[in-house]
All heavy atoms as atom14 arrays in JSON, in Angstrom:
{
  "sequence": "VYLQMDNMKPNDTATYYCAARVSSRTSRYVCPSND",
  "atom14_mask": [
    [1, 1, 1, 1, 1, 1, 1, 0, 0, 0, 0, 0, 0, 0],
    [1, 1, 1, 1, 1, 1, 1, 1, 1, 1, 1, 1, 0, 0],
    [1, 1, 1, 1, 1, 1, 1, 1, 0, 0, 0, 0, 0, 0],
    [1, 1, 1, 1, 1, 1, 1, 1, 1, 0, 0, 0, 0, 0],
    [1, 1, 1, 1, 1, 1, 1, 1, 0, 0, 0, 0, 0, 0],
    [1, 1, 1, 1, 1, 1, 1, 1, 0, 0, 0, 0, 0, 0],
    [1, 1, 1, 1, 1, 1, 1, 1, 0, 0, 0, 0, 0, 0],
    [1, 1, 1, 1, 1, 1, 1, 1, 0, 0, 0, 0, 0, 0],
    [1, 1, 1, 1, 1, 1, 1, 1, 1, 0, 0, 0, 0, 0],
    [1, 1, 1, 1, 1, 1, 1, 0, 0, 0, 0, 0, 0, 0],
    [1, 1, 1, 1, 1, 1, 1, 1, 0, 0, 0, 0, 0, 0],
    [1, 1, 1, 1, 1, 1, 1, 1, 0, 0, 0, 0, 0, 0],
    [1, 1, 1, 1, 1, 1, 1, 0, 0, 0, 0, 0, 0, 0],
    [1, 1, 1, 1, 1, 0, 0, 0, 0, 0, 0, 0, 0, 0],
    [1, 1, 1, 1, 1, 1, 1, 0, 0, 0, 0, 0, 0, 0],
    [1, 1, 1, 1, 1, 1, 1, 1, 1, 1, 1, 1, 0, 0],
    [1, 1, 1, 1, 1, 1, 1, 1, 1, 1, 1, 1, 0, 0],
    [1, 1, 1, 1, 1, 1, 0, 0, 0, 0, 0, 0, 0, 0],
    [1, 1, 1, 1, 1, 0, 0, 0, 0, 0, 0, 0, 0, 0],
    [1, 1, 1, 1, 1, 0, 0, 0, 0, 0, 0, 0, 0, 0],
    [1, 1, 1, 1, 1, 1, 1, 1, 1, 1, 1, 0, 0, 0],
    [1, 1, 1, 1, 1, 1, 1, 0, 0, 0, 0, 0, 0, 0],
    [1, 1, 1, 1, 1, 1, 0, 0, 0, 0, 0, 0, 0, 0],
    [1, 1, 1, 1, 1, 1, 0, 0, 0, 0, 0, 0, 0, 0],
    [1, 1, 1, 1, 1, 1, 1, 1, 1, 1, 1, 0, 0, 0],
    [1, 1, 1, 1, 1, 1, 1, 0, 0, 0, 0, 0, 0, 0],
    [1, 1, 1, 1, 1, 1, 0, 0, 0, 0, 0, 0, 0, 0],
    [1, 1, 1, 1, 1, 1, 1, 1, 1, 1, 1, 0, 0, 0],
    [1, 1, 1, 1, 1, 1, 1, 1, 1, 1, 1, 1, 0, 0],
    [1, 1, 1, 1, 1, 1, 1, 0, 0, 0, 0, 0, 0, 0],
    [1, 1, 1, 1, 1, 1, 0, 0, 0, 0, 0, 0, 0, 0],
    [1, 1, 1, 1, 1, 1, 1, 0, 0, 0, 0, 0, 0, 0],
    [1, 1, 1, 1, 1, 1, 0, 0, 0, 0, 0, 0, 0, 0],
    [1, 1, 1, 1, 1, 1, 1, 1, 0, 0, 0, 0, 0, 0],
    [1, 1, 1, 1, 1, 1, 1, 1, 0, 0, 0, 0, 0, 0]
  ],
  "atom14_positions": [
    [[0.85, -1.18, 0.0], [0.0, 0.0, 0.0], [0.89, 1.23, 0.0], [1.94, 1.26, 0.66], [-0.97, -0.01, 1.2], [-0.22, -0.04, 2.52], [-1.91, 1.19, 1.15], [0.0, 0.0, 0.0], [0.0, 0.0, 0.0], [0.0, 0.0, 0.0], [0.0, 0.0, 0.0], [0.0, 0.0, 0.0], [0.0, 0.0, 0.0], [0.0, 0.0, 0.0]],
    [[0.48, 2.25, -0.74], [1.26, 3.46, -0.89], [0.48, 4.66, -0.37], [-0.75, 4.68, -0.36], [1.6, 3.71, -2.36], [2.36, 2.6, -3.02], [1.72, 1.64, -3.78], [3.75, 2.51, -2.87], [2.43, 0.61, -4.38], [4.46, 1.49, -3.47], [3.79, 0.54, -4.23], [4.5, -0.48, -4.82], [0.0, 0.0, 0.0], [0.0, 0.0, 0.0]],
    [[1.22, 5.65, 0.04], [0.64, 6.95, 0.35], [1.45, 8.0, -0.4], [2.59, 8.28, -0.03], [0.66, 7.23, 1.85], [-0.01, 8.55, 2.26], [-1.52, 8.47, 2.03], [0.28, 8.88, 3.73], [0.0, 0.0, 0.0], [0.0, 0.0, 0.0], [0.0, 0.0, 0.0], [0.0, 0.0, 0.0], [0.0, 0.0, 0.0], [0.0, 0.0, 0.0]],
    [[0.86, 8.53, -1.45], [1.48, 9.6, -2.2], [1.1, 10.92, -1.54], [-0.08, 11.24, -1.42], [1.02, 9.59, -3.65], [1.59, 10.71, -4.51], [3.07, 10.6, -4.72], [3.58, 9.49, -4.94], [3.78, 11.71, -4.66], [0.0, 0.0, 0.0], [0.0, 0.0, 0.0], [0.0, 0.0, 0.0], [0.0, 0.0, 0.0], [0.0, 0.0, 0.0]],
    [[2.09, 11.68, -1.13], [1.87, 12.93, -0.42], [2.42, 14.06, -1.27], [3.63, 14.15, -1.5], [2.55, 12.91, 0.95], [2.07, 11.74, 1.83], [2.79, 11.76, 3.5], [4.5, 11.38, 3.11], [0.0, 0.0, 0.0], [0.0, 0.0, 0.0], [0.0, 0.0, 0.0], [0.0, 0.0, 0.0], [0.0, 0.0, 0.0], [0.0, 0.0, 0.0]],
    [[1.53, 14.92, -1.73], [1.89, 16.05, -2.56], [1.55, 17.35, -1.85], [0.7, 17.37, -0.95], [1.16, 15.99, -3.91], [1.54, 14.8, -4.74], [2.73, 14.44, -4.77], [0.63, 14.22, -5.39], [0.0, 0.0, 0.0], [0.0, 0.0, 0.0], [0.0, 0.0, 0.0], [0.0, 0.0, 0.0], [0.0, 0.0, 0.0], [0.0, 0.0, 0.0]],
    [[2.18, 18.42, -2.29], [1.94, 19.74, -1.71], [2.01, 19.68, -0.18], [1.12, 20.15, 0.52], [0.59, 20.28, -2.17], [0.37, 21.74, -1.8], [1.33, 22.48, -1.61], [-0.89, 22.14, -1.69], [0.0, 0.0, 0.0], [0.0, 0.0, 0.0], [0.0, 0.0, 0.0], [0.0, 0.0, 0.0], [0.0, 0.0, 0.0], [0.0, 0.0, 0.0]],
    [[3.09, 19.13, 0.3], [3.21, 18.9, 1.73], [3.39, 20.21, 2.49], [3.96, 21.18, 1.99], [4.36, 17.95, 2.01], [4.16, 16.59, 1.35], [5.35, 15.35, 1.9], [4.75, 15.05, 3.56], [0.0, 0.0, 0.0], [0.0, 0.0, 0.0], [0.0, 0.0, 0.0], [0.0, 0.0, 0.0], [0.0, 0.0, 0.0], [0.0, 0.0, 0.0]],
    [[2.88, 20.19, 3.71], [2.89, 21.35, 4.57], [3.61, 21.03, 5.87], [3.7, 19.85, 6.26], [1.45, 21.8, 4.88], [0.62, 22.11, 3.65], [-0.81, 22.45, 4.02], [-1.63, 22.78, 2.79], [-3.03, 23.12, 3.14], [0.0, 0.0, 0.0], [0.0, 0.0, 0.0], [0.0, 0.0, 0.0], [0.0, 0.0, 0.0], [0.0, 0.0, 0.0]],
    [[4.12, 22.03, 6.57], [4.78, 21.76, 7.84], [3.91, 20.98, 8.83], [4.45, 20.16, 9.59], [5.11, 23.16, 8.38], [5.3, 23.98, 7.14], [4.27, 23.45, 6.17], [0.0, 0.0, 0.0], [0.0, 0.0, 0.0], [0.0, 0.0, 0.0], [0.0, 0.0, 0.0], [0.0, 0.0, 0.0], [0.0, 0.0, 0.0], [0.0, 0.0, 0.0]],
    [[2.61, 21.18, 8.8], [1.72, 20.45, 9.7], [1.63, 18.96, 9.39], [1.06, 18.2, 10.16], [0.32, 21.05, 9.69], [0.22, 22.38, 10.41], [-0.73, 23.13, 10.21], [1.19, 22.69, 11.26], [0.0, 0.0, 0.0], [0.0, 0.0, 0.0], [0.0, 0.0, 0.0], [0.0, 0.0, 0.0], [0.0, 0.0, 0.0], [0.0, 0.0, 0.0]],
    [[2.17, 18.55, 8.24], [2.23, 17.13, 7.92], [3.36, 16.42, 8.65], [3.45, 15.19, 8.58], [2.4, 16.93, 6.41], [1.2, 17.41, 5.62], [0.06, 17.25, 6.09], [1.41, 17.94, 4.5], [0.0, 0.0, 0.0], [0.0, 0.0, 0.0], [0.0, 0.0, 0.0], [0.0, 0.0, 0.0], [0.0, 0.0, 0.0], [0.0, 0.0, 0.0]],
    [[4.22, 17.16, 9.3], [5.32, 16.57, 10.05], [4.78, 15.66, 11.15], [3.98, 16.1, 11.98], [6.21, 17.65, 10.65], [6.82, 18.41, 9.6], [7.3, 17.05, 11.52], [0.0, 0.0, 0.0], [0.0, 0.0, 0.0], [0.0, 0.0, 0.0], [0.0, 0.0, 0.0], [0.0, 0.0, 0.0], [0.0, 0.0, 0.0], [0.0, 0.0, 0.0]],
    [[5.2, 14.41, 11.14], [4.7, 13.43, 12.09], [5.4, 12.11, 11.84], [6.12, 11.95, 10.85], [3.19, 13.25, 11.96], [0.0, 0.0, 0.0], [0.0, 0.0, 0.0], [0.0, 0.0, 0.0], [0.0, 0.0, 0.0], [0.0, 0.0, 0.0], [0.0, 0.0, 0.0], [0.0, 0.0, 0.0], [0.0, 0.0, 0.0], [0.0, 0.0, 0.0]],
    [[5.16, 11.16, 12.73], [5.52, 9.79, 12.47], [4.33, 9.12, 11.8], [3.21, 9.18, 12.31], [5.89, 9.04, 13.75], [6.98, 9.71, 14.39], [6.29, 7.61, 13.45], [0.0, 0.0, 0.0], [0.0, 0.0, 0.0], [0.0, 0.0, 0.0], [0.0, 0.0, 0.0], [0.0, 0.0, 0.0], [0.0, 0.0, 0.0], [0.0, 0.0, 0.0]],
    [[4.56, 8.5, 10.67], [3.51, 7.87, 9.9], [3.56, 6.37, 10.09], [4.62, 5.74, 10.0], [3.65, 8.22, 8.41], [3.19, 9.61, 8.09], [3.92, 10.72, 8.52], [2.02, 9.84, 7.37], [3.5, 12.0, 8.25], [1.6, 11.12, 7.08], [2.34, 12.21, 7.53], [1.91, 13.48, 7.24], [0.0, 0.0, 0.0], [0.0, 0.0, 0.0]],
    [[2.4, 5.79, 10.34], [2.27, 4.36, 10.59], [1.36, 3.71, 9.57], [0.31, 4.26, 9.24], [1.7, 4.1, 11.98], [2.55, 4.59, 13.12], [2.39, 5.88, 13.62], [3.51, 3.77, 13.7], [3.17, 6.34, 14.67], [4.29, 4.22, 14.75], [4.11, 5.5, 15.23], [4.88, 5.95, 16.28], [0.0, 0.0, 0.0], [0.0, 0.0, 0.0]],
    [[1.74, 2.55, 9.14], [0.89, 1.69, 8.34], [0.17, 0.72, 9.26], [0.76, 0.21, 10.22], [1.74, 0.93, 7.32], [0.83, -0.18, 6.23], [0.0, 0.0, 0.0], [0.0, 0.0, 0.0], [0.0, 0.0, 0.0], [0.0, 0.0, 0.0], [0.0, 0.0, 0.0], [0.0, 0.0, 0.0], [0.0, 0.0, 0.0], [0.0, 0.0, 0.0]],
    [[-1.1, 0.47, 9.0], [-1.89, -0.41, 9.84], [-2.79, -1.29, 8.99], [-3.14, -0.94, 7.86], [-2.75, 0.41, 10.82], [0.0, 0.0, 0.0], [0.0, 0.0, 0.0], [0.0, 0.0, 0.0], [0.0, 0.0, 0.0], [0.0, 0.0, 0.0], [0.0, 0.0, 0.0], [0.0, 0.0, 0.0], [0.0, 0.0, 0.0], [0.0, 0.0, 0.0]],
    [[-3.17, -2.43, 9.55], [-4.0, -3.39, 8.83], [-5.0, -4.05, 9.77], [-4.74, -4.23, 10.96], [-3.14, -4.46, 8.17], [0.0, 0.0, 0.0], [0.0, 0.0, 0.0], [0.0, 0.0, 0.0], [0.0, 0.0, 0.0], [0.0, 0.0, 0.0], [0.0, 0.0, 0.0], [0.0, 0.0, 0.0], [0.0, 0.0, 0.0], [0.0, 0.0, 0.0]],
    [[-6.15, -4.41, 9.2], [-7.12, -5.21, 9.93], [-7.76, -6.2, 8.96], [-7.93, -5.88, 7.77], [-8.19, -4.33, 10.58], [-9.17, -3.69, 9.6], [-10.12, -2.72, 10.3], [-11.0, -3.37, 11.26], [-12.25, -3.75, 11.02], [-12.76, -3.56, 9.81], [-12.97, -4.32, 11.97], [0.0, 0.0, 0.0], [0.0, 0.0, 0.0], [0.0, 0.0, 0.0]],
    [[-8.11, -7.36, 9.45], [-8.83, -8.33, 8.65], [-10.29, -7.89, 8.61], [-10.9, -7.6, 9.64], [-8.71, -9.74, 9.23], [-9.55, -10.74, 8.44], [-7.25, -10.17, 9.25], [0.0, 0.0, 0.0], [0.0, 0.0, 0.0], [0.0, 0.0, 0.0], [0.0, 0.0, 0.0], [0.0, 0.0, 0.0], [0.0, 0.0, 0.0], [0.0, 0.0, 0.0]],
    [[-10.85, -7.86, 7.41], [-12.21, -7.37, 7.26], [-12.83, -7.95, 6.0], [-12.42, -7.59, 4.89], [-12.22, -5.84, 7.21], [-13.54, -5.33, 7.19], [0.0, 0.0, 0.0], [0.0, 0.0, 0.0], [0.0, 0.0, 0.0], [0.0, 0.0, 0.0], [0.0, 0.0, 0.0], [0.0, 0.0, 0.0], [0.0, 0.0, 0.0], [0.0, 0.0, 0.0]],
    [[-13.8, -8.83, 6.16], [-14.51, -9.41, 5.03], [-15.76, -8.59, 4.78], [-16.75, -8.7, 5.51], [-14.86, -10.87, 5.3], [-13.69, -11.65, 5.46], [0.0, 0.0, 0.0], [0.0, 0.0, 0.0], [0.0, 0.0, 0.0], [0.0, 0.0, 0.0], [0.0, 0.0, 0.0], [0.0, 0.0, 0.0], [0.0, 0.0, 0.0], [0.0, 0.0, 0.0]],
    [[-15.72, -7.8, 3.74], [-16.8, -6.88, 3.42], [-17.1, -6.91, 1.93], [-16.37, -7.52, 1.15], [-16.45, -5.45, 3.85], [-16.11, -5.31, 5.32], [-17.33, -5.45, 6.19], [-17.03, -5.21, 7.59], [-17.93, -5.21, 8.56], [-19.21, -5.43, 8.28], [-17.56, -4.99, 9.8], [0.0, 0.0, 0.0], [0.0, 0.0, 0.0], [0.0, 0.0, 0.0]],
    [[-18.16, -6.2, 1.58], [-18.53, -6.1, 0.18], [-17.63, -5.09, -0.52], [-16.93, -4.29, 0.1], [-19.99, -5.68, 0.03], [-20.19, -4.41, 0.67], [-20.92, -6.7, 0.66], [0.0, 0.0, 0.0], [0.0, 0.0, 0.0], [0.0, 0.0, 0.0], [0.0, 0.0, 0.0], [0.0, 0.0, 0.0], [0.0, 0.0, 0.0], [0.0, 0.0, 0.0]],
    [[-17.66, -5.15, -1.82], [-16.9, -4.21, -2.63], [-17.31, -2.78, -2.31], [-18.47, -2.5, -2.0], [-17.13, -4.51, -4.11], [-16.37, -3.64, -4.93], [0.0, 0.0, 0.0], [0.0, 0.0, 0.0], [0.0, 0.0, 0.0], [0.0, 0.0, 0.0], [0.0, 0.0, 0.0], [0.0, 0.0, 0.0], [0.0, 0.0, 0.0], [0.0, 0.0, 0.0]],
    [[-16.34, -1.9, -2.34], [-16.49, -0.47, -2.09], [-16.65, -0.13, -0.6], [-16.93, 1.02, -0.26], [-17.65, 0.14, -2.86], [-17.77, -0.31, -4.32], [-16.48, -0.18, -5.08], [-16.01, 1.2, -5.18], [-14.91, 1.56, -5.81], [-14.14, 0.65, -6.38], [-14.57, 2.84, -5.86], [0.0, 0.0, 0.0], [0.0, 0.0, 0.0], [0.0, 0.0, 0.0]],
    [[-16.44, -1.1, 0.25], [-16.5, -0.85, 1.68], [-15.48, 0.21, 2.07], [-14.33, 0.19, 1.6], [-16.21, -2.15, 2.43], [-16.04, -2.01, 3.92], [-17.1, -1.65, 4.74], [-14.8, -2.26, 4.52], [-16.94, -1.54, 6.1], [-14.63, -2.15, 5.88], [-15.71, -1.79, 6.68], [-15.54, -1.69, 8.04], [0.0, 0.0, 0.0], [0.0, 0.0, 0.0]],
    [[-15.9, 1.14, 2.91], [-15.01, 2.17, 3.43], [-14.54, 1.75, 4.81], [-15.34, 1.53, 5.72], [-15.71, 3.53, 3.49], [-14.79, 4.58, 4.1], [-16.17, 3.96, 2.11], [0.0, 0.0, 0.0], [0.0, 0.0, 0.0], [0.0, 0.0, 0.0], [0.0, 0.0, 0.0], [0.0, 0.0, 0.0], [0.0, 0.0, 0.0], [0.0, 0.0, 0.0]],
    [[-13.24, 1.66, 4.98], [-12.65, 1.16, 6.2], [-12.79, 2.16, 7.34], [-12.88, 3.37, 7.11], [-11.18, 0.82, 5.97], [-10.9, -0.52, 4.79], [0.0, 0.0, 0.0], [0.0, 0.0, 0.0], [0.0, 0.0, 0.0], [0.0, 0.0, 0.0], [0.0, 0.0, 0.0], [0.0, 0.0, 0.0], [0.0, 0.0, 0.0], [0.0, 0.0, 0.0]],
    [[-12.76, 1.68, 8.58], [-12.87, 2.6, 9.71], [-11.64, 3.49, 9.84], [-10.53, 3.13, 9.41], [-13.01, 1.66, 10.92], [-12.37, 0.39, 10.47], [-12.68, 0.28, 9.0], [0.0, 0.0, 0.0], [0.0, 0.0, 0.0], [0.0, 0.0, 0.0], [0.0, 0.0, 0.0], [0.0, 0.0, 0.0], [0.0, 0.0, 0.0], [0.0, 0.0, 0.0]],
    [[-11.83, 4.63, 10.46], [-10.75, 5.58, 10.64], [-10.23, 5.63, 12.07], [-9.28, 6.37, 12.34], [-11.19, 6.99, 10.22], [-12.31, 7.41, 10.96], [0.0, 0.0, 0.0], [0.0, 0.0, 0.0], [0.0, 0.0, 0.0], [0.0, 0.0, 0.0], [0.0, 0.0, 0.0], [0.0, 0.0, 0.0], [0.0, 0.0, 0.0], [0.0, 0.0, 0.0]],
    [[-10.81, 4.87, 12.98], [-10.34, 4.84, 14.35], [-9.2, 3.84, 14.49], [-9.28, 2.72, 14.0], [-11.48, 4.5, 15.32], [-12.23, 3.26, 14.93], [-12.76, 3.15, 13.83], [-12.3, 2.29, 15.84], [0.0, 0.0, 0.0], [0.0, 0.0, 0.0], [0.0, 0.0, 0.0], [0.0, 0.0, 0.0], [0.0, 0.0, 0.0], [0.0, 0.0, 0.0]],
    [[-8.15, 4.26, 15.17], [-6.95, 3.43, 15.19], [-7.14, 2.11, 15.94], [-6.46, 1.14, 15.62], [-5.75, 4.21, 15.76], [-5.97, 4.7, 17.18], [-7.07, 4.52, 17.75], [-5.02, 5.28, 17.73], [0.0, 0.0, 0.0], [0.0, 0.0, 0.0], [0.0, 0.0, 0.0], [0.0, 0.0, 0.0], [0.0, 0.0, 0.0], [0.0, 0.0, 0.0]]
  ]
}
């Protein structure tokens, strides 16, 4: 999985983490945003 970051701003400064969860869902499912 990739994260393309364009037009970056100082507020983007952070430690970035990749995360995964097993999830059997239908097509076009939108994944949760809570860590």
